Amino acid sequence: MANASNALQTDAIVSSDSDQLILVNHLDEEIGHLSKGETHDGAGLLHRAFSLFVFNDEGDLLLQQRAGDKRLWPMYWANSCCSHPRHGETMDEAVHRRLHEELGVTSNLQYMYKFVYHASFGDAGSEYEYCWVYIGKTTDKVQANTTELADWRFIKPEQLDHDLLHDSQHYTPWLKSEWARLRSEFNEQINTL
C-alpha cells in the first residue's frame, strides 16, 4: 500500500456474499431481502446502497482501490467507502459501521442526494443500486482493511477532475457519476466541510 508507512492495517473479514441486503423499488421503498451474492448476479436486482466521500483538513478526498479479489471492479479506484445497509440496519448505522470497518476512521457524514444507477461488469455480475451519497471530513489516521482494499490515497479534487477527464478507465462507474454531480451541484458544501 502506498500509504501504509503512515497508517495501521487490519485484515478483518467484514462482509460476505451471504449478507442480507435490502431490495427496494424505484421509490426506495423496501420490498424484500436477498443475499449480497444473489443481488449482484446477472443484471442485478435493485437494492439500497451508499457512497461516502470523506475529506481531510486540507480538502483532499480519500480514495480507495478495491481489493483484487472483489467480484465487481477489482483493483479499480473508488470513492472513500461504498457498501450496503444490511437487513435490519438503518442507513445511519450502516454508513458509520462500514467507514470504520474499511478505513478505521470516523466522520460526521452529511447526506447529499440519492439516485439509481446500473452498471454491469461483464459476466461477473452487476451493480443495480439505489445509492445514498454522503460527504464528510475526518482527522483520524487511516487503518486500511486489506480484505476490502488494495490501496488508498488522498487526492486533490482538481487532480481527480483531471484524472477522470483524461484517464478514467481506472475508476469505478459510480465514482465517475457521483463525483460529477457533487462537483456541479454541491461544491460549496464540499468547500465548507
N, C-alpha and C. Protein backbone atom coordinates (compact mmCIF):
# COMPACT_ATOMS: atom_id res chain seq x y z
N MET A 1 0.83 -1.19 0.00
CA MET A 1 0.00 0.00 0.00
C MET A 1 0.87 1.24 0.00
N ALA A 2 0.56 2.14 -0.85
CA ALA A 2 1.38 3.34 -0.99
C ALA A 2 1.41 4.16 0.29
N ASN A 3 0.34 4.15 1.05
CA ASN A 3 0.27 4.98 2.25
C ASN A 3 0.43 4.18 3.53
N ALA A 4 0.87 2.94 3.43
CA ALA A 4 0.96 2.07 4.60
C ALA A 4 1.98 2.55 5.63
N SER A 5 2.96 3.30 5.20
CA SER A 5 4.00 3.72 6.13
C SER A 5 3.46 4.64 7.22
N ASN A 6 2.37 5.33 6.94
CA ASN A 6 1.82 6.23 7.96
C ASN A 6 0.44 5.79 8.43
N ALA A 7 0.13 4.50 8.28
CA ALA A 7 -1.19 4.04 8.69
C ALA A 7 -1.12 2.62 9.24
N LEU A 8 -2.11 2.29 10.03
CA LEU A 8 -2.27 0.93 10.52
C LEU A 8 -3.02 0.12 9.48
N GLN A 9 -2.98 -1.21 9.63
CA GLN A 9 -3.71 -2.08 8.72
C GLN A 9 -4.43 -3.16 9.52
N THR A 10 -5.48 -3.67 8.94
CA THR A 10 -6.19 -4.80 9.50
C THR A 10 -6.59 -5.71 8.35
N ASP A 11 -6.85 -6.97 8.64
CA ASP A 11 -7.32 -7.87 7.60
C ASP A 11 -8.62 -8.56 8.02
N ALA A 12 -9.39 -7.90 8.87
CA ALA A 12 -10.65 -8.46 9.35
C ALA A 12 -11.62 -8.67 8.20
N ILE A 13 -12.32 -9.79 8.22
CA ILE A 13 -13.36 -10.05 7.21
C ILE A 13 -14.64 -9.38 7.70
N VAL A 14 -15.15 -8.44 6.92
CA VAL A 14 -16.30 -7.63 7.36
C VAL A 14 -17.51 -7.76 6.46
N SER A 15 -17.42 -8.58 5.41
CA SER A 15 -18.58 -8.78 4.55
C SER A 15 -18.49 -10.14 3.87
N SER A 16 -19.66 -10.63 3.43
CA SER A 16 -19.67 -11.89 2.70
C SER A 16 -20.86 -11.89 1.74
N ASP A 17 -20.82 -12.81 0.79
CA ASP A 17 -21.91 -12.91 -0.17
C ASP A 17 -23.22 -13.33 0.47
N SER A 18 -23.18 -13.80 1.72
CA SER A 18 -24.41 -14.21 2.40
C SER A 18 -25.08 -13.06 3.15
N ASP A 19 -24.43 -11.89 3.25
CA ASP A 19 -25.05 -10.74 3.91
C ASP A 19 -26.41 -10.46 3.27
N GLN A 20 -27.42 -10.23 4.08
CA GLN A 20 -28.77 -9.96 3.57
C GLN A 20 -28.92 -8.47 3.29
N LEU A 21 -29.08 -8.13 2.00
CA LEU A 21 -29.24 -6.74 1.58
C LEU A 21 -30.72 -6.40 1.46
N ILE A 22 -30.99 -5.10 1.34
CA ILE A 22 -32.36 -4.59 1.30
C ILE A 22 -32.75 -4.32 -0.14
N LEU A 23 -33.70 -5.09 -0.66
CA LEU A 23 -34.24 -4.86 -2.00
C LEU A 23 -35.24 -3.71 -1.92
N VAL A 24 -35.24 -2.84 -2.94
CA VAL A 24 -36.14 -1.69 -2.96
C VAL A 24 -36.77 -1.55 -4.34
N ASN A 25 -37.84 -0.74 -4.40
CA ASN A 25 -38.43 -0.38 -5.68
C ASN A 25 -37.86 0.98 -6.11
N HIS A 26 -38.40 1.54 -7.19
CA HIS A 26 -37.85 2.81 -7.70
C HIS A 26 -38.25 4.03 -6.89
N LEU A 27 -39.00 3.81 -5.81
CA LEU A 27 -39.30 4.87 -4.84
C LEU A 27 -38.47 4.70 -3.58
N ASP A 28 -37.51 3.78 -3.61
CA ASP A 28 -36.65 3.44 -2.48
C ASP A 28 -37.46 2.88 -1.31
N GLU A 29 -38.53 2.19 -1.62
CA GLU A 29 -39.34 1.52 -0.60
C GLU A 29 -38.87 0.08 -0.49
N GLU A 30 -38.69 -0.40 0.73
CA GLU A 30 -38.21 -1.74 0.97
C GLU A 30 -39.24 -2.76 0.50
N ILE A 31 -38.79 -3.74 -0.31
CA ILE A 31 -39.71 -4.75 -0.83
C ILE A 31 -39.26 -6.17 -0.52
N GLY A 32 -38.11 -6.33 0.14
CA GLY A 32 -37.64 -7.66 0.48
C GLY A 32 -36.17 -7.67 0.81
N HIS A 33 -35.61 -8.87 0.92
CA HIS A 33 -34.21 -9.06 1.28
C HIS A 33 -33.65 -10.22 0.49
N LEU A 34 -32.39 -10.14 0.18
CA LEU A 34 -31.73 -11.19 -0.58
C LEU A 34 -30.24 -11.13 -0.28
N SER A 35 -29.56 -12.24 -0.46
CA SER A 35 -28.12 -12.26 -0.18
C SER A 35 -27.39 -11.33 -1.14
N LYS A 36 -26.27 -10.83 -0.67
CA LYS A 36 -25.44 -9.94 -1.48
C LYS A 36 -25.03 -10.62 -2.78
N GLY A 37 -24.65 -11.88 -2.71
CA GLY A 37 -24.23 -12.61 -3.91
C GLY A 37 -25.33 -12.67 -4.94
N GLU A 38 -26.53 -13.07 -4.53
CA GLU A 38 -27.66 -13.19 -5.46
C GLU A 38 -28.10 -11.83 -5.99
N THR A 39 -27.99 -10.82 -5.16
CA THR A 39 -28.40 -9.46 -5.56
C THR A 39 -27.56 -8.94 -6.72
N HIS A 40 -26.31 -9.39 -6.79
CA HIS A 40 -25.40 -8.89 -7.82
C HIS A 40 -25.26 -9.84 -9.01
N ASP A 41 -25.97 -10.97 -9.02
CA ASP A 41 -25.90 -11.90 -10.14
C ASP A 41 -26.53 -11.30 -11.40
N GLY A 42 -26.02 -11.70 -12.55
CA GLY A 42 -26.60 -11.30 -13.83
C GLY A 42 -26.73 -9.80 -13.96
N ALA A 43 -27.96 -9.35 -14.27
CA ALA A 43 -28.23 -7.92 -14.41
C ALA A 43 -28.44 -7.24 -13.07
N GLY A 44 -28.47 -8.02 -11.98
CA GLY A 44 -28.63 -7.46 -10.65
C GLY A 44 -30.07 -7.14 -10.32
N LEU A 45 -30.34 -7.02 -9.02
CA LEU A 45 -31.64 -6.61 -8.52
C LEU A 45 -31.47 -5.29 -7.77
N LEU A 46 -32.43 -4.40 -7.90
CA LEU A 46 -32.32 -3.07 -7.28
C LEU A 46 -32.28 -3.21 -5.76
N HIS A 47 -31.23 -2.65 -5.16
CA HIS A 47 -31.04 -2.73 -3.72
C HIS A 47 -30.46 -1.42 -3.19
N ARG A 48 -30.62 -1.22 -1.90
CA ARG A 48 -30.18 0.02 -1.26
C ARG A 48 -28.67 -0.04 -1.02
N ALA A 49 -28.01 1.08 -1.26
CA ALA A 49 -26.56 1.17 -1.10
C ALA A 49 -26.19 2.59 -0.68
N PHE A 50 -24.89 2.79 -0.43
CA PHE A 50 -24.42 4.14 -0.11
C PHE A 50 -23.00 4.33 -0.62
N SER A 51 -22.65 5.60 -0.83
CA SER A 51 -21.30 6.00 -1.21
C SER A 51 -20.89 7.17 -0.34
N LEU A 52 -19.68 7.09 0.21
CA LEU A 52 -19.16 8.12 1.10
C LEU A 52 -17.95 8.79 0.46
N PHE A 53 -17.92 10.11 0.57
CA PHE A 53 -16.79 10.91 0.10
C PHE A 53 -16.25 11.64 1.32
N VAL A 54 -15.07 11.21 1.80
CA VAL A 54 -14.51 11.72 3.04
C VAL A 54 -13.24 12.50 2.72
N PHE A 55 -13.15 13.70 3.28
CA PHE A 55 -12.05 14.63 3.02
C PHE A 55 -11.22 14.81 4.29
N ASN A 56 -9.96 15.24 4.12
CA ASN A 56 -9.12 15.59 5.27
C ASN A 56 -9.15 17.10 5.49
N ASP A 57 -8.38 17.57 6.45
CA ASP A 57 -8.36 19.00 6.78
C ASP A 57 -7.88 19.88 5.63
N GLU A 58 -7.09 19.32 4.73
CA GLU A 58 -6.58 20.09 3.59
C GLU A 58 -7.55 20.11 2.42
N GLY A 59 -8.69 19.44 2.55
CA GLY A 59 -9.68 19.40 1.47
C GLY A 59 -9.41 18.31 0.45
N ASP A 60 -8.48 17.40 0.75
CA ASP A 60 -8.18 16.30 -0.16
C ASP A 60 -9.18 15.17 0.08
N LEU A 61 -9.56 14.48 -0.99
CA LEU A 61 -10.52 13.39 -0.94
C LEU A 61 -9.80 12.06 -0.74
N LEU A 62 -10.32 11.25 0.16
CA LEU A 62 -9.80 9.91 0.39
C LEU A 62 -10.40 8.96 -0.63
N LEU A 63 -9.54 8.35 -1.44
CA LEU A 63 -9.94 7.33 -2.41
C LEU A 63 -9.43 5.98 -1.96
N GLN A 64 -10.12 4.92 -2.38
CA GLN A 64 -9.62 3.58 -2.12
C GLN A 64 -9.58 2.80 -3.43
N GLN A 65 -8.59 1.92 -3.52
CA GLN A 65 -8.51 0.99 -4.64
C GLN A 65 -9.08 -0.34 -4.14
N ARG A 66 -10.10 -0.82 -4.82
CA ARG A 66 -10.79 -2.03 -4.40
C ARG A 66 -9.85 -3.24 -4.43
N ALA A 67 -10.04 -4.14 -3.49
CA ALA A 67 -9.19 -5.33 -3.39
C ALA A 67 -9.23 -6.15 -4.68
N GLY A 68 -8.14 -6.84 -4.95
CA GLY A 68 -8.02 -7.62 -6.18
C GLY A 68 -8.96 -8.80 -6.29
N ASP A 69 -9.47 -9.28 -5.16
CA ASP A 69 -10.39 -10.41 -5.23
C ASP A 69 -11.86 -10.00 -5.17
N LYS A 70 -12.14 -8.72 -5.31
CA LYS A 70 -13.53 -8.27 -5.38
C LYS A 70 -14.16 -8.84 -6.65
N ARG A 71 -15.40 -9.25 -6.56
CA ARG A 71 -16.11 -9.81 -7.71
C ARG A 71 -16.35 -8.76 -8.78
N LEU A 72 -16.71 -7.57 -8.38
CA LEU A 72 -17.02 -6.49 -9.32
C LEU A 72 -16.00 -5.36 -9.18
N TRP A 73 -15.44 -4.94 -10.27
CA TRP A 73 -14.46 -3.86 -10.37
C TRP A 73 -13.28 -4.04 -9.42
N PRO A 74 -12.61 -5.21 -9.45
CA PRO A 74 -11.41 -5.38 -8.62
C PRO A 74 -10.29 -4.48 -9.12
N MET A 75 -9.55 -3.92 -8.19
CA MET A 75 -8.39 -3.06 -8.45
C MET A 75 -8.76 -1.71 -9.09
N TYR A 76 -10.02 -1.39 -9.17
CA TYR A 76 -10.44 -0.07 -9.65
C TYR A 76 -10.43 0.91 -8.48
N TRP A 77 -10.20 2.18 -8.78
CA TRP A 77 -10.26 3.22 -7.76
C TRP A 77 -11.71 3.64 -7.57
N ALA A 78 -12.09 3.80 -6.32
CA ALA A 78 -13.45 4.18 -5.95
C ALA A 78 -13.39 5.31 -4.93
N ASN A 79 -14.56 5.82 -4.59
CA ASN A 79 -14.66 6.85 -3.56
C ASN A 79 -14.22 6.27 -2.21
N SER A 80 -14.27 7.06 -1.17
CA SER A 80 -13.73 6.68 0.14
C SER A 80 -14.26 5.34 0.62
N CYS A 81 -15.57 5.16 0.51
CA CYS A 81 -16.20 3.94 1.02
C CYS A 81 -17.55 3.78 0.34
N CYS A 82 -17.89 2.57 -0.03
CA CYS A 82 -19.21 2.29 -0.60
C CYS A 82 -19.62 0.89 -0.21
N SER A 83 -20.89 0.74 0.14
CA SER A 83 -21.37 -0.56 0.58
C SER A 83 -22.89 -0.54 0.65
N HIS A 84 -23.43 -1.40 1.52
CA HIS A 84 -24.88 -1.57 1.62
C HIS A 84 -25.30 -1.63 3.08
N PRO A 85 -26.46 -1.07 3.41
CA PRO A 85 -27.03 -1.38 4.71
C PRO A 85 -27.53 -2.83 4.68
N ARG A 86 -27.46 -3.49 5.79
CA ARG A 86 -27.92 -4.87 5.87
C ARG A 86 -29.35 -4.91 6.40
N HIS A 87 -30.01 -6.02 6.16
CA HIS A 87 -31.37 -6.21 6.66
C HIS A 87 -31.41 -5.90 8.16
N GLY A 88 -32.34 -5.01 8.56
CA GLY A 88 -32.49 -4.64 9.95
C GLY A 88 -31.59 -3.51 10.40
N GLU A 89 -30.83 -2.92 9.51
CA GLU A 89 -29.89 -1.86 9.85
C GLU A 89 -30.33 -0.55 9.21
N THR A 90 -30.27 0.54 9.97
CA THR A 90 -30.59 1.85 9.40
C THR A 90 -29.42 2.32 8.54
N MET A 91 -29.69 3.28 7.67
CA MET A 91 -28.62 3.82 6.83
C MET A 91 -27.56 4.50 7.70
N ASP A 92 -27.98 5.21 8.73
CA ASP A 92 -27.03 5.88 9.62
C ASP A 92 -26.10 4.87 10.28
N GLU A 93 -26.65 3.78 10.76
CA GLU A 93 -25.82 2.73 11.36
C GLU A 93 -24.85 2.15 10.32
N ALA A 94 -25.35 1.91 9.13
CA ALA A 94 -24.55 1.27 8.08
C ALA A 94 -23.38 2.12 7.64
N VAL A 95 -23.61 3.41 7.39
CA VAL A 95 -22.52 4.25 6.86
C VAL A 95 -21.39 4.39 7.87
N HIS A 96 -21.73 4.53 9.15
CA HIS A 96 -20.69 4.67 10.16
C HIS A 96 -19.98 3.33 10.44
N ARG A 97 -20.74 2.25 10.43
CA ARG A 97 -20.14 0.92 10.61
C ARG A 97 -19.12 0.66 9.52
N ARG A 98 -19.55 0.83 8.28
CA ARG A 98 -18.70 0.45 7.16
C ARG A 98 -17.47 1.36 7.02
N LEU A 99 -17.62 2.64 7.28
CA LEU A 99 -16.48 3.56 7.22
C LEU A 99 -15.40 3.11 8.20
N HIS A 100 -15.83 2.70 9.38
CA HIS A 100 -14.87 2.23 10.37
C HIS A 100 -14.29 0.87 9.99
N GLU A 101 -15.13 -0.04 9.47
CA GLU A 101 -14.65 -1.37 9.08
C GLU A 101 -13.62 -1.32 7.96
N GLU A 102 -13.83 -0.46 6.97
CA GLU A 102 -12.94 -0.41 5.81
C GLU A 102 -11.71 0.46 6.03
N LEU A 103 -11.90 1.59 6.73
CA LEU A 103 -10.82 2.57 6.81
C LEU A 103 -10.41 2.92 8.23
N GLY A 104 -11.14 2.42 9.22
CA GLY A 104 -10.79 2.68 10.61
C GLY A 104 -10.96 4.12 11.03
N VAL A 105 -11.79 4.88 10.32
CA VAL A 105 -11.97 6.30 10.63
C VAL A 105 -13.43 6.58 10.98
N THR A 106 -13.65 7.73 11.59
CA THR A 106 -14.98 8.23 11.89
C THR A 106 -15.16 9.57 11.17
N SER A 107 -16.41 9.95 10.98
CA SER A 107 -16.71 11.22 10.30
C SER A 107 -18.15 11.62 10.61
N ASN A 108 -18.37 12.91 10.72
CA ASN A 108 -19.74 13.42 10.74
C ASN A 108 -20.18 13.51 9.29
N LEU A 109 -20.99 12.57 8.88
CA LEU A 109 -21.38 12.47 7.48
C LEU A 109 -22.64 13.27 7.21
N GLN A 110 -22.66 13.93 6.06
CA GLN A 110 -23.79 14.76 5.65
C GLN A 110 -24.41 14.17 4.38
N TYR A 111 -25.70 13.81 4.47
CA TYR A 111 -26.41 13.27 3.31
C TYR A 111 -26.53 14.35 2.24
N MET A 112 -26.27 13.98 0.97
CA MET A 112 -26.34 14.93 -0.12
C MET A 112 -27.49 14.64 -1.09
N TYR A 113 -27.58 13.41 -1.59
CA TYR A 113 -28.63 13.05 -2.54
C TYR A 113 -28.67 11.54 -2.70
N LYS A 114 -29.67 11.04 -3.39
CA LYS A 114 -29.70 9.63 -3.76
C LYS A 114 -30.15 9.49 -5.20
N PHE A 115 -29.76 8.38 -5.82
CA PHE A 115 -30.04 8.16 -7.23
C PHE A 115 -29.95 6.67 -7.54
N VAL A 116 -30.49 6.28 -8.68
CA VAL A 116 -30.42 4.89 -9.13
C VAL A 116 -29.39 4.80 -10.25
N TYR A 117 -28.54 3.79 -10.17
CA TYR A 117 -27.63 3.53 -11.29
C TYR A 117 -27.52 2.02 -11.51
N HIS A 118 -27.13 1.69 -12.73
CA HIS A 118 -26.98 0.29 -13.12
C HIS A 118 -25.71 0.19 -13.95
N ALA A 119 -24.83 -0.74 -13.56
CA ALA A 119 -23.59 -0.94 -14.29
C ALA A 119 -23.23 -2.42 -14.24
N SER A 120 -22.90 -2.99 -15.40
CA SER A 120 -22.52 -4.40 -15.48
C SER A 120 -21.02 -4.54 -15.62
N PHE A 121 -20.49 -5.59 -15.00
CA PHE A 121 -19.07 -5.88 -15.09
C PHE A 121 -18.90 -7.23 -15.80
N GLY A 122 -19.16 -7.21 -17.08
CA GLY A 122 -19.06 -8.42 -17.89
C GLY A 122 -19.96 -9.51 -17.37
N ASP A 123 -19.46 -10.74 -17.37
CA ASP A 123 -20.22 -11.89 -16.89
C ASP A 123 -20.17 -12.04 -15.37
N ALA A 124 -19.39 -11.21 -14.69
CA ALA A 124 -19.22 -11.35 -13.23
C ALA A 124 -20.45 -10.89 -12.46
N GLY A 125 -21.25 -10.02 -13.06
CA GLY A 125 -22.44 -9.52 -12.37
C GLY A 125 -22.61 -8.03 -12.56
N SER A 126 -23.52 -7.45 -11.77
CA SER A 126 -23.87 -6.05 -11.95
C SER A 126 -24.14 -5.36 -10.62
N GLU A 127 -23.96 -4.06 -10.65
CA GLU A 127 -24.44 -3.18 -9.59
C GLU A 127 -25.74 -2.56 -10.09
N TYR A 128 -26.78 -2.67 -9.30
CA TYR A 128 -28.06 -2.03 -9.61
C TYR A 128 -28.55 -1.47 -8.28
N GLU A 129 -28.22 -0.21 -8.05
CA GLU A 129 -28.35 0.33 -6.70
C GLU A 129 -29.16 1.60 -6.64
N TYR A 130 -29.89 1.71 -5.54
CA TYR A 130 -30.50 2.97 -5.12
C TYR A 130 -29.52 3.52 -4.09
N CYS A 131 -28.66 4.39 -4.54
CA CYS A 131 -27.47 4.78 -3.78
C CYS A 131 -27.65 6.13 -3.10
N TRP A 132 -27.39 6.16 -1.79
CA TRP A 132 -27.41 7.38 -0.99
C TRP A 132 -25.97 7.90 -0.93
N VAL A 133 -25.76 9.18 -1.24
CA VAL A 133 -24.42 9.76 -1.30
C VAL A 133 -24.23 10.73 -0.13
N TYR A 134 -23.10 10.59 0.54
CA TYR A 134 -22.75 11.40 1.71
C TYR A 134 -21.37 12.02 1.53
N ILE A 135 -21.15 13.16 2.18
CA ILE A 135 -19.82 13.74 2.29
C ILE A 135 -19.49 13.92 3.77
N GLY A 136 -18.21 13.97 4.07
CA GLY A 136 -17.77 14.17 5.45
C GLY A 136 -16.30 14.48 5.51
N LYS A 137 -15.83 14.74 6.71
CA LYS A 137 -14.43 15.07 6.94
C LYS A 137 -13.92 14.22 8.09
N THR A 138 -12.65 13.86 8.04
CA THR A 138 -12.04 13.12 9.14
C THR A 138 -10.65 13.66 9.41
N THR A 139 -10.26 13.57 10.66
CA THR A 139 -8.89 13.88 11.06
C THR A 139 -8.21 12.61 11.58
N ASP A 140 -8.93 11.48 11.52
CA ASP A 140 -8.40 10.21 12.00
C ASP A 140 -7.33 9.66 11.07
N LYS A 141 -6.44 8.86 11.63
CA LYS A 141 -5.44 8.16 10.84
C LYS A 141 -6.09 6.94 10.19
N VAL A 142 -5.86 6.76 8.90
CA VAL A 142 -6.46 5.64 8.17
C VAL A 142 -5.89 4.31 8.66
N GLN A 143 -6.79 3.36 8.90
CA GLN A 143 -6.41 1.98 9.21
C GLN A 143 -7.07 1.12 8.14
N ALA A 144 -6.33 0.86 7.08
CA ALA A 144 -6.88 0.20 5.90
C ALA A 144 -7.17 -1.27 6.16
N ASN A 145 -8.35 -1.73 5.73
CA ASN A 145 -8.72 -3.13 5.82
C ASN A 145 -8.30 -3.80 4.51
N THR A 146 -7.27 -4.63 4.58
CA THR A 146 -6.69 -5.21 3.37
C THR A 146 -7.55 -6.30 2.73
N THR A 147 -8.62 -6.74 3.39
CA THR A 147 -9.55 -7.66 2.71
C THR A 147 -10.52 -6.88 1.83
N GLU A 148 -10.64 -5.58 2.04
CA GLU A 148 -11.58 -4.75 1.28
C GLU A 148 -10.89 -3.86 0.26
N LEU A 149 -9.67 -3.43 0.54
CA LEU A 149 -9.00 -2.53 -0.39
C LEU A 149 -7.53 -2.89 -0.56
N ALA A 150 -7.04 -2.62 -1.77
CA ALA A 150 -5.66 -2.91 -2.11
C ALA A 150 -4.75 -1.72 -1.80
N ASP A 151 -5.32 -0.52 -1.86
CA ASP A 151 -4.52 0.70 -1.65
C ASP A 151 -5.47 1.84 -1.34
N TRP A 152 -4.91 2.95 -0.93
CA TRP A 152 -5.70 4.15 -0.66
C TRP A 152 -4.78 5.36 -0.82
N ARG A 153 -5.42 6.51 -1.00
CA ARG A 153 -4.65 7.75 -1.12
C ARG A 153 -5.58 8.94 -0.95
N PHE A 154 -5.02 10.05 -0.57
CA PHE A 154 -5.74 11.32 -0.60
C PHE A 154 -5.37 12.01 -1.91
N ILE A 155 -6.36 12.67 -2.50
CA ILE A 155 -6.15 13.33 -3.79
C ILE A 155 -6.83 14.69 -3.77
N LYS A 156 -6.19 15.65 -4.38
CA LYS A 156 -6.80 16.98 -4.50
C LYS A 156 -7.99 16.88 -5.46
N PRO A 157 -9.10 17.56 -5.16
CA PRO A 157 -10.26 17.50 -6.06
C PRO A 157 -9.93 17.85 -7.50
N GLU A 158 -9.07 18.83 -7.70
CA GLU A 158 -8.70 19.24 -9.06
C GLU A 158 -7.94 18.13 -9.78
N GLN A 159 -7.13 17.38 -9.03
CA GLN A 159 -6.40 16.27 -9.64
C GLN A 159 -7.35 15.15 -10.04
N LEU A 160 -8.37 14.89 -9.18
CA LEU A 160 -9.35 13.87 -9.54
C LEU A 160 -10.14 14.31 -10.77
N ASP A 161 -10.50 15.58 -10.84
CA ASP A 161 -11.19 16.10 -12.03
C ASP A 161 -10.35 15.80 -13.27
N HIS A 162 -9.08 16.11 -13.20
CA HIS A 162 -8.16 15.89 -14.33
C HIS A 162 -8.07 14.41 -14.68
N ASP A 163 -7.90 13.56 -13.67
CA ASP A 163 -7.77 12.12 -13.93
C ASP A 163 -9.03 11.55 -14.57
N LEU A 164 -10.19 11.98 -14.10
CA LEU A 164 -11.44 11.46 -14.65
C LEU A 164 -11.67 11.94 -16.07
N LEU A 165 -11.11 13.08 -16.42
CA LEU A 165 -11.23 13.60 -17.78
C LEU A 165 -10.26 12.91 -18.74
N HIS A 166 -9.06 12.57 -18.25
CA HIS A 166 -8.00 12.08 -19.14
C HIS A 166 -7.62 10.62 -18.95
N ASP A 167 -8.01 9.99 -17.84
CA ASP A 167 -7.55 8.63 -17.55
C ASP A 167 -8.59 7.90 -16.71
N SER A 168 -9.85 7.92 -17.15
CA SER A 168 -10.96 7.46 -16.30
C SER A 168 -11.14 5.95 -16.25
N GLN A 169 -10.44 5.19 -17.09
CA GLN A 169 -10.68 3.76 -17.14
C GLN A 169 -10.29 3.03 -15.87
N HIS A 170 -9.57 3.67 -14.96
CA HIS A 170 -9.14 3.04 -13.72
C HIS A 170 -10.10 3.31 -12.56
N TYR A 171 -11.20 3.98 -12.84
CA TYR A 171 -12.15 4.39 -11.79
C TYR A 171 -13.50 3.69 -11.98
N THR A 172 -14.18 3.42 -10.87
CA THR A 172 -15.48 2.76 -10.92
C THR A 172 -16.53 3.67 -11.55
N PRO A 173 -17.55 3.07 -12.17
CA PRO A 173 -18.59 3.89 -12.81
C PRO A 173 -19.36 4.75 -11.82
N TRP A 174 -19.57 4.25 -10.60
CA TRP A 174 -20.32 5.05 -9.64
C TRP A 174 -19.51 6.25 -9.17
N LEU A 175 -18.21 6.10 -9.02
CA LEU A 175 -17.39 7.25 -8.63
C LEU A 175 -17.49 8.35 -9.68
N LYS A 176 -17.37 7.99 -10.95
CA LYS A 176 -17.42 8.98 -12.02
C LYS A 176 -18.73 9.76 -11.97
N SER A 177 -19.83 9.06 -11.87
CA SER A 177 -21.15 9.70 -11.86
C SER A 177 -21.36 10.57 -10.62
N GLU A 178 -21.05 10.01 -9.46
CA GLU A 178 -21.30 10.72 -8.21
C GLU A 178 -20.40 11.94 -8.07
N TRP A 179 -19.13 11.82 -8.45
CA TRP A 179 -18.21 12.94 -8.34
C TRP A 179 -18.63 14.08 -9.27
N ALA A 180 -19.06 13.75 -10.48
CA ALA A 180 -19.51 14.79 -11.40
C ALA A 180 -20.68 15.58 -10.80
N ARG A 181 -21.62 14.88 -10.20
CA ARG A 181 -22.77 15.57 -9.60
C ARG A 181 -22.37 16.36 -8.35
N LEU A 182 -21.51 15.79 -7.52
CA LEU A 182 -21.06 16.53 -6.34
C LEU A 182 -20.36 17.82 -6.75
N ARG A 183 -19.51 17.75 -7.76
CA ARG A 183 -18.75 18.94 -8.20
C ARG A 183 -19.66 19.98 -8.84
N SER A 184 -20.70 19.54 -9.55
CA SER A 184 -21.56 20.50 -10.25
C SER A 184 -22.65 21.09 -9.35
N GLU A 185 -23.16 20.30 -8.40
CA GLU A 185 -24.29 20.76 -7.60
C GLU A 185 -23.98 21.05 -6.14
N PHE A 186 -22.92 20.46 -5.61
CA PHE A 186 -22.68 20.54 -4.16
C PHE A 186 -21.26 20.98 -3.81
N ASN A 187 -20.58 21.64 -4.72
CA ASN A 187 -19.20 22.02 -4.49
C ASN A 187 -19.06 22.98 -3.31
N GLU A 188 -20.03 23.85 -3.11
CA GLU A 188 -19.98 24.80 -1.98
C GLU A 188 -19.99 24.06 -0.65
N GLN A 189 -20.83 23.03 -0.54
CA GLN A 189 -20.88 22.24 0.70
C GLN A 189 -19.56 21.51 0.93
N ILE A 190 -18.96 21.01 -0.13
CA ILE A 190 -17.66 20.34 -0.01
C ILE A 190 -16.61 21.32 0.49
N ASN A 191 -16.62 22.52 -0.05
CA ASN A 191 -15.60 23.52 0.32
C ASN A 191 -15.77 24.04 1.73
N THR A 192 -16.93 23.85 2.36
CA THR A 192 -17.15 24.37 3.72
C THR A 192 -17.10 23.27 4.78
N LEU A 193 -16.66 22.07 4.40
CA LEU A 193 -16.55 20.98 5.39
C LEU A 193 -15.58 21.35 6.49
